PDB file of N, CA and C in Angstrom:
ATOM      1  N   MET A   1      -7.440   8.725  -7.684  1.00  0.00           N
ATOM      2  CA  MET A   1      -6.918   8.707  -6.344  1.00  0.00           C
ATOM      3  C   MET A   1      -7.900   7.933  -5.462  1.00  0.00           C
ATOM      4  N   GLU A   2      -7.381   7.072  -4.594  1.00  0.00           N
ATOM      5  CA  GLU A   2      -8.257   6.325  -3.707  1.00  0.00           C
ATOM      6  C   GLU A   2      -7.714   6.378  -2.293  1.00  0.00           C
ATOM      7  N   THR A   3      -8.608   6.271  -1.329  1.00  0.00           N
ATOM      8  CA  THR A   3      -8.201   6.278   0.067  1.00  0.00           C
ATOM      9  C   THR A   3      -7.703   4.907   0.448  1.00  0.00           C
ATOM     10  N   ILE A   4      -6.659   4.862   1.258  1.00  0.00           N
ATOM     11  CA  ILE A   4      -6.116   3.609   1.760  1.00  0.00           C
ATOM     12  C   ILE A   4      -6.734   3.338   3.121  1.00  0.00           C
ATOM     13  N   GLY A   5      -7.306   2.171   3.291  1.00  0.00           N
ATOM     14  CA  GLY A   5      -7.780   1.766   4.604  1.00  0.00           C
ATOM     15  C   GLY A   5      -9.018   2.512   5.049  1.00  0.00           C
ATOM     16  N   ASP A   6      -9.440   2.210   6.247  1.00  0.00           N
ATOM     17  CA  ASP A   6     -10.617   2.811   6.854  1.00  0.00           C
ATOM     18  C   ASP A   6     -10.165   3.485   8.139  1.00  0.00           C
ATOM     19  N   PHE A   7      -9.937   4.783   8.084  1.00  0.00           N
ATOM     20  CA  PHE A   7      -9.396   5.490   9.222  1.00  0.00           C
ATOM     21  C   PHE A   7     -10.511   5.980  10.141  1.00  0.00           C
ATOM     22  N   PRO A   8     -10.256   6.003  11.431  1.00  0.00           N
ATOM     23  CA  PRO A   8     -11.270   6.457  12.384  1.00  0.00           C
ATOM     24  C   PRO A   8     -11.695   7.897  12.116  1.00  0.00           C
ATOM     25  N   ALA A   9     -12.936   8.216  12.434  1.00  0.00           N
ATOM     26  CA  ALA A   9     -13.433   9.585  12.275  1.00  0.00           C
ATOM     27  C   ALA A   9     -12.554  10.534  13.071  1.00  0.00           C
ATOM     28  N   GLY A  10     -12.241  11.657  12.470  1.00  0.00           N
ATOM     29  CA  GLY A  10     -11.455  12.669  13.157  1.00  0.00           C
ATOM     30  C   GLY A  10      -9.956  12.443  13.120  1.00  0.00           C
ATOM     31  N   THR A  11      -9.515  11.386  12.456  1.00  0.00           N
ATOM     32  CA  THR A  11      -8.076  11.150  12.409  1.00  0.00           C
ATOM     33  C   THR A  11      -7.389  12.246  11.610  1.00  0.00           C
ATOM     34  N   SER A  12      -6.132  12.480  11.908  1.00  0.00           N
ATOM     35  CA  SER A  12      -5.403  13.514  11.189  1.00  0.00           C
ATOM     36  C   SER A  12      -4.625  12.941  10.011  1.00  0.00           C
ATOM     37  N   ILE A  13      -4.736  11.663   9.769  1.00  0.00           N
ATOM     38  CA  ILE A  13      -3.976  11.019   8.702  1.00  0.00           C
ATOM     39  C   ILE A  13      -4.917  10.603   7.586  1.00  0.00           C
ATOM     40  N   THR A  14      -4.606  10.978   6.383  1.00  0.00           N
ATOM     41  CA  THR A  14      -5.303  10.440   5.222  1.00  0.00           C
ATOM     42  C   THR A  14      -4.245   9.914   4.272  1.00  0.00           C
ATOM     43  N   ALA A  15      -4.580   8.919   3.510  1.00  0.00           N
ATOM     44  CA  ALA A  15      -3.619   8.350   2.568  1.00  0.00           C
ATOM     45  C   ALA A  15      -4.309   8.167   1.234  1.00  0.00           C
ATOM     46  N   GLU A  16      -3.615   8.521   0.179  1.00  0.00           N
ATOM     47  CA  GLU A  16      -4.196   8.439  -1.149  1.00  0.00           C
ATOM     48  C   GLU A  16      -3.216   7.772  -2.097  1.00  0.00           C
ATOM     49  N   LEU A  17      -3.749   6.989  -3.004  1.00  0.00           N
ATOM     50  CA  LEU A  17      -2.934   6.397  -4.055  1.00  0.00           C
ATOM     51  C   LEU A  17      -2.986   7.303  -5.269  1.00  0.00           C
ATOM     52  N   ARG A  18      -1.855   7.841  -5.658  1.00  0.00           N
ATOM     53  CA  ARG A  18      -1.774   8.629  -6.881  1.00  0.00           C
ATOM     54  C   ARG A  18      -1.788   7.675  -8.057  1.00  0.00           C
ATOM     55  N   ARG A  19      -2.262   8.121  -9.165  1.00  0.00           N
ATOM     56  CA  ARG A  19      -2.320   7.308 -10.375  1.00  0.00           C
ATOM     57  C   ARG A  19      -0.955   7.216 -11.045  1.00  0.00           C
ATOM     58  N   THR A  20       0.017   6.784 -10.297  1.00  0.00           N
ATOM     59  CA  THR A  20       1.336   6.503 -10.831  1.00  0.00           C
ATOM     60  C   THR A  20       1.848   5.262 -10.118  1.00  0.00           C
ATOM     61  N   PRO A  21       2.515   4.401 -10.818  1.00  0.00           N
ATOM     62  CA  PRO A  21       3.037   3.214 -10.158  1.00  0.00           C
ATOM     63  C   PRO A  21       4.229   3.513  -9.252  1.00  0.00           C
ATOM     64  N   ALA A  22       4.698   4.739  -9.257  1.00  0.00           N
ATOM     65  CA  ALA A  22       5.925   5.081  -8.536  1.00  0.00           C
ATOM     66  C   ALA A  22       5.729   5.355  -7.056  1.00  0.00           C
ATOM     67  N   VAL A  23       4.544   5.780  -6.637  1.00  0.00           N
ATOM     68  CA  VAL A  23       4.484   6.354  -5.292  1.00  0.00           C
ATOM     69  C   VAL A  23       3.095   6.283  -4.663  1.00  0.00           C
ATOM     70  N   TRP A  24       3.070   6.073  -3.360  1.00  0.00           N
ATOM     71  CA  TRP A  24       1.895   6.339  -2.533  1.00  0.00           C
ATOM     72  C   TRP A  24       2.070   7.754  -2.015  1.00  0.00           C
ATOM     73  N   LEU A  25       1.028   8.536  -2.064  1.00  0.00           N
ATOM     74  CA  LEU A  25       1.043   9.860  -1.451  1.00  0.00           C
ATOM     75  C   LEU A  25       0.247   9.768  -0.160  1.00  0.00           C
ATOM     76  N   VAL A  26       0.883  10.071   0.946  1.00  0.00           N
ATOM     77  CA  VAL A  26       0.231  10.037   2.255  1.00  0.00           C
ATOM     78  C   VAL A  26       0.215  11.455   2.797  1.00  0.00           C
ATOM     79  N   ARG A  27      -0.977  12.010   2.930  1.00  0.00           N
ATOM     80  CA  ARG A  27      -1.117  13.364   3.467  1.00  0.00           C
ATOM     81  C   ARG A  27      -1.282  13.279   4.989  1.00  0.00           C
ATOM     82  N   ILE A  28      -0.547  14.129   5.690  1.00  0.00           N
ATOM     83  CA  ILE A  28      -0.601  14.157   7.151  1.00  0.00           C
ATOM     84  C   ILE A  28      -1.003  15.561   7.563  1.00  0.00           C
ATOM     85  N   VAL A  29      -2.134  15.672   8.237  1.00  0.00           N
ATOM     86  CA  VAL A  29      -2.656  16.976   8.639  1.00  0.00           C
ATOM     87  C   VAL A  29      -2.833  16.987  10.152  1.00  0.00           C
ATOM     88  N   GLY A  30      -2.316  18.020  10.794  1.00  0.00           N
ATOM     89  CA  GLY A  30      -2.482  18.163  12.228  1.00  0.00           C
ATOM     90  C   GLY A  30      -1.328  17.552  13.002  1.00  0.00           C
ATOM     91  N   ASP A  31      -1.621  17.080  14.199  1.00  0.00           N
ATOM     92  CA  ASP A  31      -0.619  16.537  15.103  1.00  0.00           C
ATOM     93  C   ASP A  31      -0.485  15.026  14.920  1.00  0.00           C
ATOM     94  N   VAL A  32       0.758  14.553  14.947  1.00  0.00           N
ATOM     95  CA  VAL A  32       1.021  13.116  14.891  1.00  0.00           C
ATOM     96  C   VAL A  32       1.850  12.753  16.111  1.00  0.00           C
ATOM     97  N   ASP A  33       1.255  11.950  16.978  1.00  0.00           N
ATOM     98  CA  ASP A  33       1.974  11.482  18.159  1.00  0.00           C
ATOM     99  C   ASP A  33       1.553  10.044  18.449  1.00  0.00           C
ATOM    100  N   ILE A  34       1.994   9.522  19.546  1.00  0.00           N
ATOM    101  CA  ILE A  34       1.755   8.115  19.882  1.00  0.00           C
ATOM    102  C   ILE A  34       0.264   7.784  19.948  1.00  0.00           C
ATOM    103  N   ASP A  35      -0.569   8.755  20.295  1.00  0.00           N
ATOM    104  CA  ASP A  35      -2.005   8.499  20.421  1.00  0.00           C
ATOM    105  C   ASP A  35      -2.719   8.349  19.086  1.00  0.00           C
ATOM    106  N   CYS A  36      -2.127   8.842  18.003  1.00  0.00           N
ATOM    107  CA  CYS A  36      -2.802   8.760  16.709  1.00  0.00           C
ATOM    108  C   CYS A  36      -1.903   8.226  15.605  1.00  0.00           C
ATOM    109  N   ILE A  37      -0.851   7.499  15.956  1.00  0.00           N
ATOM    110  CA  ILE A  37       0.113   7.027  14.966  1.00  0.00           C
ATOM    111  C   ILE A  37      -0.391   5.831  14.158  1.00  0.00           C
ATOM    112  N   GLU A  38      -1.321   5.076  14.676  1.00  0.00           N
ATOM    113  CA  GLU A  38      -1.726   3.836  14.007  1.00  0.00           C
ATOM    114  C   GLU A  38      -2.214   4.032  12.569  1.00  0.00           C
ATOM    115  N   PRO A  39      -3.023   5.038  12.273  1.00  0.00           N
ATOM    116  CA  PRO A  39      -3.406   5.226  10.863  1.00  0.00           C
ATOM    117  C   PRO A  39      -2.204   5.468   9.946  1.00  0.00           C
ATOM    118  N   LEU A  40      -1.201   6.189  10.417  1.00  0.00           N
ATOM    119  CA  LEU A  40      -0.005   6.403   9.608  1.00  0.00           C
ATOM    120  C   LEU A  40       0.734   5.085   9.424  1.00  0.00           C
ATOM    121  N   ARG A  41       0.861   4.316  10.475  1.00  0.00           N
ATOM    122  CA  ARG A  41       1.520   3.003  10.355  1.00  0.00           C
ATOM    123  C   ARG A  41       0.771   2.109   9.369  1.00  0.00           C
ATOM    124  N   MET A  42      -0.550   2.136   9.426  1.00  0.00           N
ATOM    125  CA  MET A  42      -1.352   1.340   8.488  1.00  0.00           C
ATOM    126  C   MET A  42      -1.091   1.779   7.049  1.00  0.00           C
ATOM    127  N   ALA A  43      -1.094   3.070   6.814  1.00  0.00           N
ATOM    128  CA  ALA A  43      -0.876   3.588   5.462  1.00  0.00           C
ATOM    129  C   ALA A  43       0.518   3.235   4.968  1.00  0.00           C
ATOM    130  N   LEU A  44       1.520   3.390   5.821  1.00  0.00           N
ATOM    131  CA  LEU A  44       2.888   3.063   5.424  1.00  0.00           C
ATOM    132  C   LEU A  44       3.056   1.568   5.168  1.00  0.00           C
ATOM    133  N   SER A  45       2.410   0.765   5.978  1.00  0.00           N
ATOM    134  CA  SER A  45       2.478  -0.682   5.784  1.00  0.00           C
ATOM    135  C   SER A  45       1.883  -1.079   4.438  1.00  0.00           C
ATOM    136  N   GLU A  46       0.726  -0.531   4.133  1.00  0.00           N
ATOM    137  CA  GLU A  46       0.082  -0.816   2.849  1.00  0.00           C
ATOM    138  C   GLU A  46       0.943  -0.311   1.693  1.00  0.00           C
ATOM    139  N   ALA A  47       1.465   0.872   1.830  1.00  0.00           N
ATOM    140  CA  ALA A  47       2.275   1.464   0.767  1.00  0.00           C
ATOM    141  C   ALA A  47       3.538   0.652   0.516  1.00  0.00           C
ATOM    142  N   THR A  48       4.186   0.211   1.563  1.00  0.00           N
ATOM    143  CA  THR A  48       5.435  -0.522   1.375  1.00  0.00           C
ATOM    144  C   THR A  48       5.198  -1.895   0.756  1.00  0.00           C
ATOM    145  N   ARG A  49       4.014  -2.435   0.911  1.00  0.00           N
ATOM    146  CA  ARG A  49       3.693  -3.727   0.283  1.00  0.00           C
ATOM    147  C   ARG A  49       3.387  -3.598  -1.198  1.00  0.00           C
ATOM    148  N   THR A  50       2.964  -2.419  -1.640  1.00  0.00           N
ATOM    149  CA  THR A  50       2.419  -2.322  -2.991  1.00  0.00           C
ATOM    150  C   THR A  50       3.066  -1.290  -3.903  1.00  0.00           C
ATOM    151  N   ARG A  51       3.936  -0.458  -3.406  1.00  0.00           N
ATOM    152  CA  ARG A  51       4.509   0.615  -4.230  1.00  0.00           C
ATOM    153  C   ARG A  51       6.019   0.655  -4.113  1.00  0.00           C
ATOM    154  N   THR A  52       6.632   1.420  -4.953  1.00  0.00           N
ATOM    155  CA  THR A  52       8.082   1.532  -4.939  1.00  0.00           C
ATOM    156  C   THR A  52       8.581   2.718  -4.118  1.00  0.00           C
ATOM    157  N   ALA A  53       7.719   3.624  -3.744  1.00  0.00           N
ATOM    158  CA  ALA A  53       8.130   4.775  -2.934  1.00  0.00           C
ATOM    159  C   ALA A  53       6.932   5.311  -2.167  1.00  0.00           C
ATOM    160  N   VAL A  54       7.220   6.062  -1.128  1.00  0.00           N
ATOM    161  CA  VAL A  54       6.198   6.727  -0.324  1.00  0.00           C
ATOM    162  C   VAL A  54       6.552   8.205  -0.271  1.00  0.00           C
ATOM    163  N   LEU A  55       5.567   9.048  -0.507  1.00  0.00           N
ATOM    164  CA  LEU A  55       5.738  10.495  -0.375  1.00  0.00           C
ATOM    165  C   LEU A  55       4.817  10.951   0.742  1.00  0.00           C
ATOM    166  N   LEU A  56       5.403  11.411   1.839  1.00  0.00           N
ATOM    167  CA  LEU A  56       4.626  11.928   2.963  1.00  0.00           C
ATOM    168  C   LEU A  56       4.477  13.432   2.786  1.00  0.00           C
ATOM    169  N   ASP A  57       3.237  13.871   2.606  1.00  0.00           N
ATOM    170  CA  ASP A  57       2.951  15.301   2.503  1.00  0.00           C
ATOM    171  C   ASP A  57       2.826  15.844   3.914  1.00  0.00           C
ATOM    172  N   CYS A  58       3.866  16.518   4.367  1.00  0.00           N
ATOM    173  CA  CYS A  58       3.923  17.037   5.737  1.00  0.00           C
ATOM    174  C   CYS A  58       3.570  18.517   5.822  1.00  0.00           C
ATOM    175  N   SER A  59       3.078  19.074   4.730  1.00  0.00           N
ATOM    176  CA  SER A  59       2.810  20.513   4.709  1.00  0.00           C
ATOM    177  C   SER A  59       1.730  20.929   5.703  1.00  0.00           C
ATOM    178  N   GLY A  60       0.857  20.013   6.080  1.00  0.00           N
ATOM    179  CA  GLY A  60      -0.182  20.323   7.051  1.00  0.00           C
ATOM    180  C   GLY A  60       0.092  19.776   8.437  1.00  0.00           C
ATOM    181  N   THR A  61       1.306  19.276   8.652  1.00  0.00           N
ATOM    182  CA  THR A  61       1.662  18.689   9.943  1.00  0.00           C
ATOM    183  C   THR A  61       2.062  19.791  10.912  1.00  0.00           C
ATOM    184  N   THR A  62       1.351  19.877  12.031  1.00  0.00           N
ATOM    185  CA  THR A  62       1.644  20.911  13.021  1.00  0.00           C
ATOM    186  C   THR A  62       2.518  20.409  14.157  1.00  0.00           C
ATOM    187  N   PHE A  63       2.545  19.093  14.352  1.00  0.00           N
ATOM    188  CA  PHE A  63       3.367  18.500  15.409  1.00  0.00           C
ATOM    189  C   PHE A  63       3.671  17.069  15.023  1.00  0.00           C
ATOM    190  N   ALA A  64       4.890  16.630  15.266  1.00  0.00           N
ATOM    191  CA  ALA A  64       5.261  15.233  15.065  1.00  0.00           C
ATOM    192  C   ALA A  64       6.298  14.864  16.115  1.00  0.00           C
ATOM    193  N   ASP A  65       6.127  13.691  16.712  1.00  0.00           N
ATOM    194  CA  ASP A  65       7.082  13.252  17.723  1.00  0.00           C
ATOM    195  C   ASP A  65       7.846  12.035  17.228  1.00  0.00           C
ATOM    196  N   SER A  66       8.541  11.379  18.130  1.00  0.00           N
ATOM    197  CA  SER A  66       9.376  10.245  17.751  1.00  0.00           C
ATOM    198  C   SER A  66       8.576   9.086  17.180  1.00  0.00           C
ATOM    199  N   SER A  67       7.289   8.997  17.476  1.00  0.00           N
ATOM    200  CA  SER A  67       6.479   7.917  16.892  1.00  0.00           C
ATOM    201  C   SER A  67       6.343   8.115  15.384  1.00  0.00           C
ATOM    202  N   PHE A  68       6.217   9.355  14.926  1.00  0.00           N
ATOM    203  CA  PHE A  68       6.213   9.656  13.495  1.00  0.00           C
ATOM    204  C   PHE A  68       7.544   9.248  12.887  1.00  0.00           C
ATOM    205  N   LEU A  69       8.618   9.680  13.515  1.00  0.00           N
ATOM    206  CA  LEU A  69       9.948   9.393  13.005  1.00  0.00           C
ATOM    207  C   LEU A  69      10.193   7.890  12.930  1.00  0.00           C
ATOM    208  N   ASN A  70       9.807   7.160  13.951  1.00  0.00           N
ATOM    209  CA  ASN A  70       9.969   5.720  13.966  1.00  0.00           C
ATOM    210  C   ASN A  70       9.198   5.058  12.825  1.00  0.00           C
ATOM    211  N   ALA A  71       7.955   5.460  12.619  1.00  0.00           N
ATOM    212  CA  ALA A  71       7.143   4.878  11.546  1.00  0.00           C
ATOM    213  C   ALA A  71       7.772   5.138  10.173  1.00  0.00           C
ATOM    214  N   ALA A  72       8.247   6.351   9.959  1.00  0.00           N
ATOM    215  CA  ALA A  72       8.863   6.694   8.676  1.00  0.00           C
ATOM    216  C   ALA A  72      10.180   5.945   8.477  1.00  0.00           C
ATOM    217  N   LEU A  73      10.966   5.828   9.527  1.00  0.00           N
ATOM    218  CA  LEU A  73      12.233   5.102   9.421  1.00  0.00           C
ATOM    219  C   LEU A  73      12.016   3.607   9.199  1.00  0.00           C
ATOM    220  N   GLN A  74      10.974   3.055   9.787  1.00  0.00           N
ATOM    221  CA  GLN A  74      10.649   1.642   9.543  1.00  0.00           C
ATOM    222  C   GLN A  74      10.313   1.421   8.075  1.00  0.00           C
ATOM    223  N   ALA A  75       9.603   2.359   7.462  1.00  0.00           N
ATOM    224  CA  ALA A  75       9.217   2.232   6.055  1.00  0.00           C
ATOM    225  C   ALA A  75      10.437   2.259   5.142  1.00  0.00           C
ATOM    226  N   ILE A  76      11.467   3.013   5.526  1.00  0.00           N
ATOM    227  CA  ILE A  76      12.681   3.111   4.719  1.00  0.00           C
ATOM    228  C   ILE A  76      13.339   1.748   4.533  1.00  0.00           C
ATOM    229  N   ARG A  77      13.098   0.837   5.439  1.00  0.00           N
ATOM    230  CA  ARG A  77      13.671  -0.507   5.289  1.00  0.00           C
ATOM    231  C   ARG A  77      13.166  -1.198   4.025  1.00  0.00           C
ATOM    232  N   PHE A  78      12.015  -0.744   3.501  1.00  0.00           N
ATOM    233  CA  PHE A  78      11.374  -1.423   2.378  1.00  0.00           C
ATOM    234  C   PHE A  78      11.290  -0.584   1.103  1.00  0.00           C
ATOM    235  N   VAL A  79      11.125   0.707   1.239  1.00  0.00           N
ATOM    236  CA  VAL A  79      10.968   1.595   0.076  1.00  0.00           C
ATOM    237  C   VAL A  79      11.604   2.945   0.378  1.00  0.00           C
ATOM    238  N   PRO A  80      11.943   3.705  -0.669  1.00  0.00           N
ATOM    239  CA  PRO A  80      12.395   5.075  -0.431  1.00  0.00           C
ATOM    240  C   PRO A  80      11.248   5.901   0.167  1.00  0.00           C
ATOM    241  N   VAL A  81      11.563   6.732   1.132  1.00  0.00           N
ATOM    242  CA  VAL A  81      10.563   7.601   1.746  1.00  0.00           C
ATOM    243  C   VAL A  81      10.942   9.044   1.436  1.00  0.00           C
ATOM    244  N   HIS A  82       9.996   9.740   0.831  1.00  0.00           N
ATOM    245  CA  HIS A  82      10.159  11.145   0.480  1.00  0.00           C
ATOM    246  C   HIS A  82       9.284  11.969   1.413  1.00  0.00           C
ATOM    247  N   LEU A  83       9.772  13.120   1.831  1.00  0.00           N
ATOM    248  CA  LEU A  83       9.013  14.044   2.670  1.00  0.00           C
ATOM    249  C   LEU A  83       8.839  15.345   1.905  1.00  0.00           C
ATOM    250  N   ALA A  84       7.637  15.874   1.888  1.00  0.00           N
ATOM    251  CA  ALA A  84       7.366  17.145   1.214  1.00  0.00           C
ATOM    252  C   ALA A  84       6.775  18.141   2.202  1.00  0.00           C
ATOM    253  N   GLY A  85       7.168  19.392   2.065  1.00  0.00           N
ATOM    254  CA  GLY A  85       6.590  20.451   2.886  1.00  0.00           C
ATOM    255  C   GLY A  85       6.982  20.383   4.346  1.00  0.00           C
ATOM    256  N   VAL A  86       8.189  19.937   4.631  1.00  0.00           N
ATOM    257  CA  VAL A  86       8.671  19.828   6.013  1.00  0.00           C
ATOM    258  C   VAL A  86       9.014  21.212   6.537  1.00  0.00           C
ATOM    259  N   SER A  87       8.477  21.543   7.700  1.00  0.00           N
ATOM    260  CA  SER A  87       8.802  22.829   8.312  1.00  0.00           C
ATOM    261  C   SER A  87       8.582  22.743   9.815  1.00  0.00           C
ATOM    262  N   GLY A  88       8.867  23.821  10.495  1.00  0.00           N
ATOM    263  CA  GLY A  88       8.589  23.945  11.921  1.00  0.00           C
ATOM    264  C   GLY A  88       9.152  22.832  12.773  1.00  0.00           C
ATOM    265  N   MET A  89       8.284  22.299  13.613  1.00  0.00           N
ATOM    266  CA  MET A  89       8.689  21.309  14.589  1.00  0.00           C
ATOM    267  C   MET A  89       9.228  20.034  13.937  1.00  0.00           C
ATOM    268  N   LEU A  90       8.630  19.624  12.822  1.00  0.00           N
ATOM    269  CA  LEU A  90       9.104  18.420  12.143  1.00  0.00           C
ATOM    270  C   LEU A  90      10.515  18.626  11.593  1.00  0.00           C
ATOM    271  N   ALA A  91      10.787  19.773  11.008  1.00  0.00           N
ATOM    272  CA  ALA A  91      12.137  20.072  10.521  1.00  0.00           C
ATOM    273  C   ALA A  91      13.135  20.030  11.672  1.00  0.00           C
ATOM    274  N   SER A  92      12.741  20.577  12.812  1.00  0.00           N
ATOM    275  CA  SER A  92      13.611  20.550  13.992  1.00  0.00           C
ATOM    276  C   SER A  92      13.852  19.124  14.477  1.00  0.00           C
ATOM    277  N   LEU A  93      12.803  18.306  14.484  1.00  0.00           N
ATOM    278  CA  LEU A  93      12.934  16.912  14.910  1.00  0.00           C
ATOM    279  C   LEU A  93      13.946  16.171  14.026  1.00  0.00           C
ATOM    280  N   LEU A  94      13.837  16.351  12.724  1.00  0.00           N
ATOM    281  CA  LEU A  94      14.757  15.689  11.804  1.00  0.00           C
ATOM    282  C   LEU A  94      16.191  16.159  12.022  1.00  0.00           C
ATOM    283  N   LYS A  95      16.352  17.453  12.230  1.00  0.00           N
ATOM    284  CA  LYS A  95      17.695  18.016  12.413  1.00  0.00           C
ATOM    285  C   LYS A  95      18.311  17.550  13.732  1.00  0.00           C
ATOM    286  N   VAL A  96      17.556  17.639  14.821  1.00  0.00           N
ATOM    287  CA  VAL A  96      18.066  17.279  16.143  1.00  0.00           C
ATOM    288  C   VAL A  96      18.435  15.798  16.208  1.00  0.00           C
ATOM    289  N   THR A  97      17.660  14.951  15.554  1.00  0.00           N
ATOM    290  CA  THR A  97      17.924  13.508  15.591  1.00  0.00           C
ATOM    291  C   THR A  97      18.929  13.061  14.534  1.00  0.00           C
ATOM    292  N   GLY A  98      19.316  13.969  13.637  1.00  0.00           N
ATOM    293  CA  GLY A  98      20.268  13.626  12.597  1.00  0.00           C
ATOM    294  C   GLY A  98      19.703  12.686  11.547  1.00  0.00           C
ATOM    295  N   THR A  99      18.387  12.686  11.379  1.00  0.00           N
ATOM    296  CA  THR A  99      17.754  11.754  10.440  1.00  0.00           C
ATOM    297  C   THR A  99      17.337  12.408   9.126  1.00  0.00           C
ATOM    298  N   GLU A 100      17.554  13.701   8.971  1.00  0.00           N
ATOM    299  CA  GLU A 100      17.098  14.368   7.748  1.00  0.00           C
ATOM    300  C   GLU A 100      17.743  13.772   6.498  1.00  0.00           C
ATOM    301  N   GLU A 101      18.959  13.261   6.612  1.00  0.00           N
ATOM    302  CA  GLU A 101      19.647  12.668   5.469  1.00  0.00           C
ATOM    303  C   GLU A 101      19.074  11.295   5.088  1.00  0.00           C
ATOM    304  N   ALA A 102      18.300  10.684   5.960  1.00  0.00           N
ATOM    305  CA  ALA A 102      17.717   9.371   5.671  1.00  0.00           C
ATOM    306  C   ALA A 102      16.578   9.466   4.659  1.00  0.00           C
ATOM    307  N   PHE A 103      16.014  10.649   4.512  1.00  0.00           N
ATOM    308  CA  PHE A 103      14.847  10.856   3.656  1.00  0.00           C
ATOM    309  C   PHE A 103      15.206  11.690   2.435  1.00  0.00           C
ATOM    310  N   HIS A 104      14.380  11.575   1.406  1.00  0.00           N
ATOM    311  CA  HIS A 104      14.443  12.476   0.258  1.00  0.00           C
ATOM    312  C   HIS A 104      13.489  13.618   0.600  1.00  0.00           C
ATOM    313  N   VAL A 105      14.003  14.820   0.828  1.00  0.00           N
ATOM    314  CA  VAL A 105      13.183  15.943   1.273  1.00  0.00           C
ATOM    315  C   VAL A 105      12.948  16.901   0.100  1.00  0.00           C
ATOM    316  N   HIS A 106      11.679  17.281  -0.082  1.00  0.00           N
ATOM    317  CA  HIS A 106      11.281  18.153  -1.183  1.00  0.00           C
ATOM    318  C   HIS A 106      10.501  19.349  -0.632  1.00  0.00           C
ATOM    319  N   PRO A 107      10.569  20.480  -1.305  1.00  0.00           N
ATOM    320  CA  PRO A 107       9.873  21.668  -0.805  1.00  0.00           C
ATOM    321  C   PRO A 107       8.350  21.544  -0.855  1.00  0.00           C
ATOM    322  N   ASP A 108       7.831  20.736  -1.804  1.00  0.00           N
ATOM    323  CA  ASP A 108       6.377  20.612  -1.931  1.00  0.00           C
ATOM    324  C   ASP A 108       6.032  19.268  -2.587  1.00  0.00           C
ATOM    325  N   VAL A 109       4.753  18.952  -2.595  1.00  0.00           N
ATOM    326  CA  VAL A 109       4.282  17.673  -3.130  1.00  0.00           C
ATOM    327  C   VAL A 109       4.561  17.541  -4.621  1.00  0.00           C
ATOM    328  N   ALA A 110       4.325  18.600  -5.377  1.00  0.00           N
ATOM    329  CA  ALA A 110       4.536  18.530  -6.827  1.00  0.00           C
ATOM    330  C   ALA A 110       5.982  18.157  -7.152  1.00  0.00           C
ATOM    331  N   THR A 111       6.927  18.767  -6.459  1.00  0.00           N
ATOM    332  CA  THR A 111       8.338  18.444  -6.665  1.00  0.00           C
ATOM    333  C   THR A 111       8.619  17.000  -6.262  1.00  0.00           C
ATOM    334  N   GLY A 112       8.053  16.572  -5.148  1.00  0.00           N
ATOM    335  CA  GLY A 112       8.235  15.198  -4.690  1.00  0.00           C
ATOM    336  C   GLY A 112       7.692  14.181  -5.675  1.00  0.00           C
ATOM    337  N   LEU A 113       6.509  14.448  -6.234  1.00  0.00           N
ATOM    338  CA  LEU A 113       5.924  13.533  -7.211  1.00  0.00           C
ATOM    339  C   LEU A 113       6.778  13.457  -8.471  1.00  0.00           C
ATOM    340  N   ARG A 114       7.274  14.601  -8.927  1.00  0.00           N
ATOM    341  CA  ARG A 114       8.146  14.604 -10.106  1.00  0.00           C
ATOM    342  C   ARG A 114       9.420  13.797  -9.853  1.00  0.00           C
ATOM    343  N   GLU A 115       9.997  13.969  -8.668  1.00  0.00           N
ATOM    344  CA  GLU A 115      11.230  13.255  -8.345  1.00  0.00           C
ATOM    345  C   GLU A 115      10.981  11.752  -8.232  1.00  0.00           C
ATOM    346  N   CYS A 116       9.871  11.356  -7.653  1.00  0.00           N
ATOM    347  CA  CYS A 116       9.542   9.923  -7.577  1.00  0.00           C
ATOM    348  C   CYS A 116       9.387   9.328  -8.970  1.00  0.00           C
ATOM    349  N   ALA A 117       8.724  10.054  -9.853  1.00  0.00           N
ATOM    350  CA  ALA A 117       8.531   9.581 -11.230  1.00  0.00           C
ATOM    351  C   ALA A 117       9.876   9.508 -11.951  1.00  0.00           C
ATOM    352  N   ARG A 118      10.725  10.509 -11.750  1.00  0.00           N
ATOM    353  CA  ARG A 118      12.050  10.500 -12.382  1.00  0.00           C
ATOM    354  C   ARG A 118      12.865   9.313 -11.906  1.00  0.00           C
ATOM    355  N   ARG A 119      12.839   9.056 -10.598  1.00  0.00           N
ATOM    356  CA  ARG A 119      13.602   7.932 -10.045  1.00  0.00           C
ATOM    357  C   ARG A 119      13.084   6.606 -10.571  1.00  0.00           C
ATOM    358  N   GLU A 120      11.777   6.512 -10.748  1.00  0.00           N
ATOM    359  CA  GLU A 120      11.213   5.267 -11.275  1.00  0.00           C
ATOM    360  C   GLU A 120      11.699   5.034 -12.704  1.00  0.00           C
ATOM    361  N   GLU A 121      11.742   6.086 -13.495  1.00  0.00           N
ATOM    362  CA  GLU A 121      12.184   5.979 -14.892  1.00  0.00           C
ATOM    363  C   GLU A 121      13.681   5.705 -15.009  1.00  0.00           C
ATOM    364  N   ASN A 122      14.481   6.410 -14.199  1.00  0.00           N
ATOM    365  CA  ASN A 122      15.933   6.368 -14.355  1.00  0.00           C
ATOM    366  C   ASN A 122      16.671   5.553 -13.313  1.00  0.00           C
ATOM    367  N   GLY A 123      15.969   5.099 -12.283  1.00  0.00           N
ATOM    368  CA  GLY A 123      16.642   4.442 -11.179  1.00  0.00           C
ATOM    369  C   GLY A 123      17.185   5.476 -10.211  1.00  0.00           C
ATOM    370  N   PRO A 124      17.602   5.061  -9.033  1.00  0.00           N
ATOM    371  CA  PRO A 124      18.066   5.997  -8.006  1.00  0.00           C
ATOM    372  C   PRO A 124      19.205   6.803  -8.495  1.00  0.00           C
TER     373      PRO A 124
END
């Protein structure tokens, strides 16, 4: 596993490359809003250039606003985007905006990784 990019100290976004050609795993911890969205955009940009899917680990996300949603929806233009561990405010955001169907949603990271690997082997 390797870190993507050089994120500012204290950022709530970390991104890791899993040792599978199928997916970038991007862990999101804490609050994601317009003031701290750039590291997520950087990670998604890198992931969409080099991988076939992105798995956003949202299990540690305590807040996400429309800037998160916009970044994730932009990535969908290039690769499948999977969300794992969606709950609370993020689940509400997806439901209220009607965007939950745009993503592949999984209960946890392990399930998301298995599904990404399955899709890579068998196609969508």
